[in-house]
């Protein structure tokens, strides 16, 4: 079974994928945004995420 980071990299090669972390979610879980910056494309607030993805064909919130 591949690591989730490998699956994200494979998905980026197949199509348009952006991995965005929610700043409020990170704060709620006690995770420093600097700790995840190298693994995500961007760290944004929920309103910005919703605005950015309004026209997206597929959205996945985890």
PDB file of N, CA and C in Angstrom:
ATOM      1  N   UNK A   1       0.835  -1.171   0.000  1.00  0.00           N
ATOM      2  CA  UNK A   1       0.000   0.000   0.000  1.00  0.00           C
ATOM      3  C   UNK A   1       0.886   1.244   0.000  1.00  0.00           C
ATOM      4  N   UNK A   2       0.677   2.149  -0.967  1.00  0.00           N
ATOM      5  CA  UNK A   2       1.510   3.363  -1.021  1.00  0.00           C
ATOM      6  C   UNK A   2       1.177   4.331   0.113  1.00  0.00           C
ATOM      7  N   UNK A   3       2.142   5.150   0.462  1.00  0.00           N
ATOM      8  CA  UNK A   3       1.919   6.203   1.454  1.00  0.00           C
ATOM      9  C   UNK A   3       0.977   7.232   0.857  1.00  0.00           C
ATOM     10  N   UNK A   4       0.258   7.948   1.722  1.00  0.00           N
ATOM     11  CA  UNK A   4      -0.681   8.965   1.230  1.00  0.00           C
ATOM     12  C   UNK A   4       0.066  10.055   0.465  1.00  0.00           C
ATOM     13  N   UNK A   5       1.275  10.382   0.882  1.00  0.00           N
ATOM     14  CA  UNK A   5       2.049  11.402   0.166  1.00  0.00           C
ATOM     15  C   UNK A   5       2.363  10.941  -1.255  1.00  0.00           C
ATOM     16  N   UNK A   6       2.614   9.642  -1.435  1.00  0.00           N
ATOM     17  CA  UNK A   6       2.875   9.099  -2.770  1.00  0.00           C
ATOM     18  C   UNK A   6       1.601   9.138  -3.615  1.00  0.00           C
ATOM     19  N   UNK A   7       0.458   8.859  -2.990  1.00  0.00           N
ATOM     20  CA  UNK A   7      -0.806   8.909  -3.731  1.00  0.00           C
ATOM     21  C   UNK A   7      -1.108  10.327  -4.202  1.00  0.00           C
ATOM     22  N   UNK A   8      -0.824  11.334  -3.356  1.00  0.00           N
ATOM     23  CA  UNK A   8      -1.040  12.724  -3.757  1.00  0.00           C
ATOM     24  C   UNK A   8      -0.130  13.093  -4.918  1.00  0.00           C
ATOM     25  N   UNK A   9       1.130  12.677  -4.869  1.00  0.00           N
ATOM     26  CA  UNK A   9       2.056  12.971  -5.964  1.00  0.00           C
ATOM     27  C   UNK A   9       1.594  12.310  -7.260  1.00  0.00           C
ATOM     28  N   UNK A  10       1.133  11.064  -7.181  1.00  0.00           N
ATOM     29  CA  UNK A  10       0.612  10.375  -8.368  1.00  0.00           C
ATOM     30  C   UNK A  10      -0.601  11.102  -8.924  1.00  0.00           C
ATOM     31  N   UNK A  11      -1.489  11.550  -8.052  1.00  0.00           N
ATOM     32  CA  UNK A  11      -2.703  12.252  -8.480  1.00  0.00           C
ATOM     33  C   UNK A  11      -2.357  13.568  -9.171  1.00  0.00           C
ATOM     34  N   UNK A  12      -1.325  14.246  -8.689  1.00  0.00           N
ATOM     35  CA  UNK A  12      -0.909  15.507  -9.313  1.00  0.00           C
ATOM     36  C   UNK A  12      -0.410  15.279 -10.735  1.00  0.00           C
ATOM     37  N   UNK A  13       0.189  14.121 -10.992  1.00  0.00           N
ATOM     38  CA  UNK A  13       0.682  13.811 -12.329  1.00  0.00           C
ATOM     39  C   UNK A  13      -0.453  13.453 -13.275  1.00  0.00           C
ATOM     40  N   UNK A  14      -1.547  12.950 -12.738  1.00  0.00           N
ATOM     41  CA  UNK A  14      -2.677  12.505 -13.554  1.00  0.00           C
ATOM     42  C   UNK A  14      -3.585  13.671 -13.939  1.00  0.00           C
ATOM     43  N   UNK A  15      -3.790  14.584 -13.020  1.00  0.00           N
ATOM     44  CA  UNK A  15      -4.717  15.685 -13.285  1.00  0.00           C
ATOM     45  C   UNK A  15      -4.404  16.875 -12.412  1.00  0.00           C
ATOM     46  N   UNK A  16      -5.361  17.782 -12.375  1.00  0.00           N
ATOM     47  CA  UNK A  16      -5.191  19.001 -11.602  1.00  0.00           C
ATOM     48  C   UNK A  16      -5.577  18.744 -10.152  1.00  0.00           C
ATOM     49  N   UNK A  17      -4.608  18.709  -9.281  1.00  0.00           N
ATOM     50  CA  UNK A  17      -4.844  18.481  -7.868  1.00  0.00           C
ATOM     51  C   UNK A  17      -4.098  19.521  -7.064  1.00  0.00           C
ATOM     52  N   UNK A  18      -4.810  20.142  -6.138  1.00  0.00           N
ATOM     53  CA  UNK A  18      -4.176  21.058  -5.194  1.00  0.00           C
ATOM     54  C   UNK A  18      -4.548  20.596  -3.805  1.00  0.00           C
ATOM     55  N   UNK A  19      -3.585  20.489  -2.959  1.00  0.00           N
ATOM     56  CA  UNK A  19      -3.805  20.090  -1.585  1.00  0.00           C
ATOM     57  C   UNK A  19      -3.726  21.346  -0.723  1.00  0.00           C
ATOM     58  N   UNK A  20      -4.866  21.703  -0.123  1.00  0.00           N
ATOM     59  CA  UNK A  20      -4.965  22.929   0.664  1.00  0.00           C
ATOM     60  C   UNK A  20      -5.335  22.560   2.095  1.00  0.00           C
ATOM     61  N   UNK A  21      -4.571  23.066   3.052  1.00  0.00           N
ATOM     62  CA  UNK A  21      -4.858  22.837   4.460  1.00  0.00           C
ATOM     63  C   UNK A  21      -5.652  24.013   5.010  1.00  0.00           C
ATOM     64  N   UNK A  22      -6.635  23.718   5.833  1.00  0.00           N
ATOM     65  CA  UNK A  22      -7.452  24.748   6.468  1.00  0.00           C
ATOM     66  C   UNK A  22      -6.725  25.251   7.709  1.00  0.00           C
ATOM     67  N   UNK A  23      -6.481  26.540   7.763  1.00  0.00           N
ATOM     68  CA  UNK A  23      -5.736  27.113   8.887  1.00  0.00           C
ATOM     69  C   UNK A  23      -6.476  26.911  10.213  1.00  0.00           C
ATOM     70  N   UNK A  24      -7.797  27.038  10.211  1.00  0.00           N
ATOM     71  CA  UNK A  24      -8.566  26.837  11.443  1.00  0.00           C
ATOM     72  C   UNK A  24      -8.520  25.373  11.877  1.00  0.00           C
ATOM     73  N   UNK A  25      -8.574  24.457  10.917  1.00  0.00           N
ATOM     74  CA  UNK A  25      -8.484  23.032  11.233  1.00  0.00           C
ATOM     75  C   UNK A  25      -7.138  22.687  11.843  1.00  0.00           C
ATOM     76  N   UNK A  26      -6.084  23.273  11.289  1.00  0.00           N
ATOM     77  CA  UNK A  26      -4.743  23.040  11.830  1.00  0.00           C
ATOM     78  C   UNK A  26      -4.657  23.571  13.261  1.00  0.00           C
ATOM     79  N   UNK A  27      -5.191  24.766  13.469  1.00  0.00           N
ATOM     80  CA  UNK A  27      -5.159  25.365  14.804  1.00  0.00           C
ATOM     81  C   UNK A  27      -5.958  24.510  15.793  1.00  0.00           C
ATOM     82  N   UNK A  28      -7.111  24.033  15.370  1.00  0.00           N
ATOM     83  CA  UNK A  28      -7.957  23.197  16.222  1.00  0.00           C
ATOM     84  C   UNK A  28      -7.225  21.919  16.649  1.00  0.00           C
ATOM     85  N   UNK A  29      -6.460  21.352  15.712  1.00  0.00           N
ATOM     86  CA  UNK A  29      -5.724  20.116  16.008  1.00  0.00           C
ATOM     87  C   UNK A  29      -4.365  20.380  16.664  1.00  0.00           C
ATOM     88  N   UNK A  30      -4.019  21.653  16.848  1.00  0.00           N
ATOM     89  CA  UNK A  30      -2.753  21.989  17.484  1.00  0.00           C
ATOM     90  C   UNK A  30      -1.549  21.777  16.589  1.00  0.00           C
ATOM     91  N   UNK A  31      -1.762  21.879  15.275  1.00  0.00           N
ATOM     92  CA  UNK A  31      -0.686  21.679  14.307  1.00  0.00           C
ATOM     93  C   UNK A  31      -0.219  23.042  13.796  1.00  0.00           C
ATOM     94  N   UNK A  32       1.069  23.279  13.859  1.00  0.00           N
ATOM     95  CA  UNK A  32       1.637  24.524  13.360  1.00  0.00           C
ATOM     96  C   UNK A  32       1.613  24.513  11.831  1.00  0.00           C
ATOM     97  N   UNK A  33       1.111  25.583  11.229  1.00  0.00           N
ATOM     98  CA  UNK A  33       1.018  25.665   9.769  1.00  0.00           C
ATOM     99  C   UNK A  33       2.390  25.481   9.115  1.00  0.00           C
ATOM    100  N   UNK A  34       3.446  25.945   9.760  1.00  0.00           N
ATOM    101  CA  UNK A  34       4.797  25.786   9.200  1.00  0.00           C
ATOM    102  C   UNK A  34       5.190  24.317   9.085  1.00  0.00           C
ATOM    103  N   UNK A  35       4.604  23.480   9.935  1.00  0.00           N
ATOM    104  CA  UNK A  35       4.933  22.054   9.924  1.00  0.00           C
ATOM    105  C   UNK A  35       4.355  21.330   8.713  1.00  0.00           C
ATOM    106  N   UNK A  36       3.306  21.887   8.109  1.00  0.00           N
ATOM    107  CA  UNK A  36       2.668  21.217   6.969  1.00  0.00           C
ATOM    108  C   UNK A  36       2.918  21.914   5.640  1.00  0.00           C
ATOM    109  N   UNK A  37       3.527  23.088   5.664  1.00  0.00           N
ATOM    110  CA  UNK A  37       3.701  23.866   4.435  1.00  0.00           C
ATOM    111  C   UNK A  37       4.433  23.120   3.329  1.00  0.00           C
ATOM    112  N   UNK A  38       5.393  22.277   3.667  1.00  0.00           N
ATOM    113  CA  UNK A  38       6.140  21.566   2.636  1.00  0.00           C
ATOM    114  C   UNK A  38       5.325  20.425   2.026  1.00  0.00           C
ATOM    115  N   UNK A  39       4.239  20.023   2.692  1.00  0.00           N
ATOM    116  CA  UNK A  39       3.424  18.904   2.215  1.00  0.00           C
ATOM    117  C   UNK A  39       2.131  19.322   1.524  1.00  0.00           C
ATOM    118  N   UNK A  40       1.805  20.602   1.587  1.00  0.00           N
ATOM    119  CA  UNK A  40       0.574  21.086   0.958  1.00  0.00           C
ATOM    120  C   UNK A  40       0.914  22.213  -0.009  1.00  0.00           C
ATOM    121  N   UNK A  41      -0.024  22.496  -0.891  1.00  0.00           N
ATOM    122  CA  UNK A  41       0.196  23.593  -1.834  1.00  0.00           C
ATOM    123  C   UNK A  41      -0.025  24.947  -1.184  1.00  0.00           C
ATOM    124  N   UNK A  42      -0.937  24.975  -0.188  1.00  0.00           N
ATOM    125  CA  UNK A  42      -1.275  26.242   0.431  1.00  0.00           C
ATOM    126  C   UNK A  42      -1.993  25.999   1.750  1.00  0.00           C
ATOM    127  N   UNK A  43      -1.889  26.947   2.658  1.00  0.00           N
ATOM    128  CA  UNK A  43      -2.667  26.954   3.894  1.00  0.00           C
ATOM    129  C   UNK A  43      -3.572  28.171   3.820  1.00  0.00           C
ATOM    130  N   UNK A  44      -4.884  27.933   3.865  1.00  0.00           N
ATOM    131  CA  UNK A  44      -5.862  29.012   3.728  1.00  0.00           C
ATOM    132  C   UNK A  44      -6.953  28.879   4.773  1.00  0.00           C
ATOM    133  N   UNK A  45      -7.684  29.962   4.988  1.00  0.00           N
ATOM    134  CA  UNK A  45      -8.861  29.926   5.834  1.00  0.00           C
ATOM    135  C   UNK A  45     -10.025  29.316   5.070  1.00  0.00           C
ATOM    136  N   UNK A  46     -11.024  28.828   5.795  1.00  0.00           N
ATOM    137  CA  UNK A  46     -12.160  28.158   5.160  1.00  0.00           C
ATOM    138  C   UNK A  46     -12.891  29.040   4.151  1.00  0.00           C
ATOM    139  N   UNK A  47     -13.171  30.323   4.441  1.00  0.00           N
ATOM    140  CA  UNK A  47     -13.849  31.144   3.427  1.00  0.00           C
ATOM    141  C   UNK A  47     -13.070  31.224   2.111  1.00  0.00           C
ATOM    142  N   UNK A  48     -11.756  31.336   2.204  1.00  0.00           N
ATOM    143  CA  UNK A  48     -10.926  31.393   0.996  1.00  0.00           C
ATOM    144  C   UNK A  48     -10.970  30.062   0.255  1.00  0.00           C
ATOM    145  N   UNK A  49     -10.967  28.959   0.998  1.00  0.00           N
ATOM    146  CA  UNK A  49     -11.034  27.643   0.373  1.00  0.00           C
ATOM    147  C   UNK A  49     -12.353  27.473  -0.366  1.00  0.00           C
ATOM    148  N   UNK A  50     -13.451  27.837   0.284  1.00  0.00           N
ATOM    149  CA  UNK A  50     -14.769  27.713  -0.347  1.00  0.00           C
ATOM    150  C   UNK A  50     -14.883  28.588  -1.590  1.00  0.00           C
ATOM    151  N   UNK A  51     -14.351  29.787  -1.528  1.00  0.00           N
ATOM    152  CA  UNK A  51     -14.370  30.685  -2.683  1.00  0.00           C
ATOM    153  C   UNK A  51     -13.518  30.124  -3.818  1.00  0.00           C
ATOM    154  N   UNK A  52     -12.346  29.645  -3.485  1.00  0.00           N
ATOM    155  CA  UNK A  52     -11.420  29.105  -4.475  1.00  0.00           C
ATOM    156  C   UNK A  52     -11.975  27.872  -5.170  1.00  0.00           C
ATOM    157  N   UNK A  53     -12.713  27.062  -4.435  1.00  0.00           N
ATOM    158  CA  UNK A  53     -13.202  25.789  -4.978  1.00  0.00           C
ATOM    159  C   UNK A  53     -14.643  25.846  -5.456  1.00  0.00           C
ATOM    160  N   UNK A  54     -15.230  27.022  -5.514  1.00  0.00           N
ATOM    161  CA  UNK A  54     -16.642  27.156  -5.888  1.00  0.00           C
ATOM    162  C   UNK A  54     -16.948  26.500  -7.231  1.00  0.00           C
ATOM    163  N   UNK A  55     -16.049  26.590  -8.171  1.00  0.00           N
ATOM    164  CA  UNK A  55     -16.283  26.041  -9.506  1.00  0.00           C
ATOM    165  C   UNK A  55     -15.572  24.707  -9.739  1.00  0.00           C
ATOM    166  N   UNK A  56     -14.979  24.152  -8.699  1.00  0.00           N
ATOM    167  CA  UNK A  56     -14.242  22.900  -8.851  1.00  0.00           C
ATOM    168  C   UNK A  56     -15.188  21.752  -9.172  1.00  0.00           C
ATOM    169  N   UNK A  57     -14.734  20.862 -10.016  1.00  0.00           N
ATOM    170  CA  UNK A  57     -15.533  19.694 -10.389  1.00  0.00           C
ATOM    171  C   UNK A  57     -15.673  18.734  -9.210  1.00  0.00           C
ATOM    172  N   UNK A  58     -14.612  18.563  -8.457  1.00  0.00           N
ATOM    173  CA  UNK A  58     -14.610  17.653  -7.317  1.00  0.00           C
ATOM    174  C   UNK A  58     -13.931  18.333  -6.136  1.00  0.00           C
ATOM    175  N   UNK A  59     -14.535  18.184  -4.946  1.00  0.00           N
ATOM    176  CA  UNK A  59     -13.949  18.708  -3.710  1.00  0.00           C
ATOM    177  C   UNK A  59     -13.951  17.580  -2.708  1.00  0.00           C
ATOM    178  N   UNK A  60     -12.878  17.465  -1.943  1.00  0.00           N
ATOM    179  CA  UNK A  60     -12.797  16.443  -0.907  1.00  0.00           C
ATOM    180  C   UNK A  60     -12.310  17.114   0.357  1.00  0.00           C
ATOM    181  N   UNK A  61     -13.148  17.092   1.366  1.00  0.00           N
ATOM    182  CA  UNK A  61     -12.785  17.665   2.670  1.00  0.00           C
ATOM    183  C   UNK A  61     -12.485  16.520   3.609  1.00  0.00           C
ATOM    184  N   UNK A  62     -11.308  16.546   4.189  1.00  0.00           N
ATOM    185  CA  UNK A  62     -10.925  15.492   5.135  1.00  0.00           C
ATOM    186  C   UNK A  62     -10.649  16.138   6.477  1.00  0.00           C
TER     187      UNK A  62
END
